[in-house]
Protein backbone atom coordinates (compact mmCIF):
# COMPACT_ATOMS: atom_id res chain seq x y z
CA MET A 1 -31.60 -40.23 -22.60
CA LYS A 2 -35.14 -40.72 -21.77
CA TYR A 3 -37.92 -40.61 -24.42
CA MET A 4 -41.60 -40.98 -24.33
CA MET A 5 -43.23 -42.97 -27.10
CA LEU A 6 -46.96 -42.01 -27.48
CA MET A 7 -49.23 -44.36 -29.32
CA GLN A 8 -52.09 -42.43 -30.77
CA PHE A 9 -55.08 -43.54 -32.72
CA SER A 10 -56.50 -41.40 -35.49
CA GLY A 11 -59.86 -42.04 -37.04
CA GLN A 12 -58.76 -39.77 -39.89
CA THR A 13 -55.72 -41.85 -40.73
CA GLN A 14 -56.37 -45.28 -39.60
CA GLU A 15 -58.89 -47.64 -41.32
CA LEU A 16 -58.93 -49.63 -38.14
CA PRO A 17 -62.05 -51.07 -36.41
CA PRO A 18 -62.10 -50.43 -32.64
CA ILE A 19 -60.23 -53.12 -30.64
CA HIS A 20 -63.31 -54.23 -28.90
CA THR A 21 -64.71 -55.47 -32.34
CA TRP A 22 -61.59 -57.55 -33.16
CA PRO A 23 -61.72 -61.29 -32.93
CA VAL A 24 -60.48 -62.39 -29.43
CA GLU A 25 -57.30 -64.23 -30.80
CA ASP A 26 -56.33 -60.90 -32.46
CA VAL A 27 -56.76 -59.02 -29.14
CA GLN A 28 -54.77 -61.53 -27.41
CA ALA A 29 -52.03 -61.49 -30.00
CA HIS A 30 -51.89 -57.57 -29.75
CA ILE A 31 -51.63 -57.63 -25.86
CA GLN A 32 -49.05 -60.35 -26.00
CA PHE A 33 -47.05 -58.16 -28.36
CA MET A 34 -47.20 -55.41 -25.86
CA HIS A 35 -46.14 -57.63 -22.97
CA ASP A 36 -43.36 -59.07 -24.95
CA THR A 37 -42.02 -55.64 -25.96
CA ASN A 38 -42.19 -54.49 -22.34
CA GLU A 39 -40.23 -57.56 -21.24
CA LYS A 40 -37.51 -56.99 -23.95
CA LEU A 41 -37.25 -53.28 -22.74
CA VAL A 42 -36.84 -54.52 -19.11
CA ASP A 43 -34.27 -57.07 -20.06
CA ALA A 44 -32.26 -54.60 -21.94
CA GLY A 45 -32.45 -51.97 -19.02
CA GLU A 46 -34.43 -49.52 -21.16
CA PHE A 47 -37.94 -49.72 -19.51
CA VAL A 48 -39.03 -46.91 -17.27
CA ASP A 49 -42.79 -47.07 -17.54
CA ALA A 50 -45.55 -48.10 -19.98
CA GLN A 51 -49.42 -47.72 -19.60
CA GLY A 52 -52.43 -48.14 -21.77
CA LEU A 53 -55.07 -45.53 -21.32
CA ALA A 54 -58.84 -45.56 -21.03
CA ALA A 55 -60.96 -44.48 -23.95
CA PRO A 56 -61.71 -40.82 -24.53
CA ASP A 57 -65.32 -41.12 -23.35
CA GLN A 58 -63.80 -41.66 -19.80
CA ALA A 59 -61.66 -38.61 -20.00
CA LYS A 60 -62.19 -35.36 -18.02
CA ILE A 61 -60.89 -31.93 -18.97
CA VAL A 62 -59.94 -30.08 -15.72
CA ARG A 63 -59.23 -26.23 -15.64
CA ALA A 64 -58.92 -23.56 -13.00
CA GLY A 65 -61.95 -21.34 -13.38
CA GLU A 66 -62.81 -17.93 -11.99
CA GLY A 67 -61.15 -17.39 -8.65
CA GLY A 68 -59.34 -20.76 -8.90
CA ALA A 69 -62.65 -22.72 -8.78
CA VAL A 70 -62.22 -26.24 -10.25
CA VAL A 71 -64.11 -26.65 -13.68
CA VAL A 72 -64.48 -30.23 -14.94
CA THR A 73 -65.81 -31.23 -18.31
CA ASP A 74 -66.64 -34.86 -18.77
CA GLY A 75 -66.47 -36.92 -22.03
CA PRO A 76 -67.49 -38.18 -24.35
CA PHE A 77 -65.80 -35.93 -26.84
CA PRO A 78 -67.24 -36.91 -30.14
CA GLU A 79 -65.26 -34.14 -31.87
CA THR A 80 -62.00 -35.89 -31.00
CA LYS A 81 -60.44 -37.11 -34.12
CA GLU A 82 -57.36 -38.68 -32.52
CA PHE A 83 -56.55 -39.77 -28.96
CA LEU A 84 -53.67 -41.22 -26.95
CA VAL A 85 -54.07 -44.95 -26.63
CA GLY A 86 -50.90 -45.53 -24.39
CA TYR A 87 -47.36 -44.58 -23.74
CA TRP A 88 -43.88 -45.83 -23.01
CA ILE A 89 -41.10 -44.04 -21.14
CA ILE A 90 -37.79 -45.49 -22.23
CA ASP A 91 -34.30 -44.85 -21.25
CA CYS A 92 -31.81 -45.68 -24.04
CA ASP A 93 -28.31 -44.59 -25.31
CA SER A 94 -29.24 -42.75 -28.41
CA THR A 95 -31.95 -41.20 -30.57
CA GLU A 96 -31.46 -43.86 -33.14
CA ARG A 97 -32.24 -46.61 -30.59
CA ALA A 98 -35.40 -44.70 -29.52
CA VAL A 99 -36.42 -44.42 -33.27
CA ASP A 100 -35.82 -48.26 -33.71
CA LEU A 101 -38.11 -48.99 -30.61
CA ALA A 102 -40.92 -46.70 -31.75
CA ALA A 103 -40.81 -48.48 -35.14
CA HIS A 104 -41.09 -51.78 -33.42
CA VAL A 105 -44.05 -50.69 -31.52
CA SER A 106 -45.57 -49.17 -34.53
CA ALA A 107 -45.69 -52.75 -36.07
CA ALA A 108 -47.91 -54.13 -33.26
CA PRO A 109 -50.26 -56.70 -34.70
CA GLY A 110 -53.95 -55.71 -35.62
CA PRO A 111 -56.87 -57.65 -37.03
CA GLY A 112 -55.68 -60.84 -38.87
CA GLY A 113 -52.16 -60.28 -37.35
CA LYS A 114 -51.51 -57.51 -39.96
CA PRO A 115 -49.03 -54.83 -38.50
CA LEU A 116 -50.97 -51.68 -37.42
CA ASN A 117 -48.08 -49.34 -38.44
CA MET A 118 -49.61 -46.76 -36.23
CA PRO A 119 -47.76 -43.49 -35.89
CA ILE A 120 -45.72 -43.37 -32.70
CA GLU A 121 -44.90 -39.84 -31.55
CA LEU A 122 -41.44 -39.87 -30.10
CA ARG A 123 -40.39 -37.09 -27.73
CA GLN A 124 -37.26 -36.66 -25.47
CA VAL A 125 -38.19 -36.20 -21.78
CA MET A 126 -36.44 -32.93 -20.79
CA SER A 127 -34.47 -33.10 -17.49
CA ALA A 128 -34.38 -30.34 -15.01
CA ALA A 129 -31.12 -28.67 -14.45
CA SER A 130 -29.23 -30.18 -11.46
CA SER A 131 -28.29 -27.93 -8.50
CA GLU A 132 -24.78 -27.76 -9.75
CA GLU A 133 -25.93 -26.51 -13.07
CA LEU A 134 -27.91 -23.56 -11.61
């Protein structure tokens, strides 16, 4: 079963300074944790993909407008209270294993090495029906 783990940051629930203000050694420890986590997932055969995402001020909202015209709204979006920091797509044998992996990622180190305990949204990736099932 494939799952997506979404790491979100919420200014409403996190008393966390932006990562660009952390001491260099704390940023390095955080990034090393992410690399080590990815390596463990690869070694276990559970890694599909993982990416960190750019800050919300670099986001674009794209819509189809009148007559299909492209309408783009650029950031920053100061009203944004939470935003997606990054994601993993994992392929594991059970929901319980996916929950364990999400809890591990939640404990990524932050300033002073203290676990962030960030909420990780875990969602199963839905598969399309095979041609035999149609």
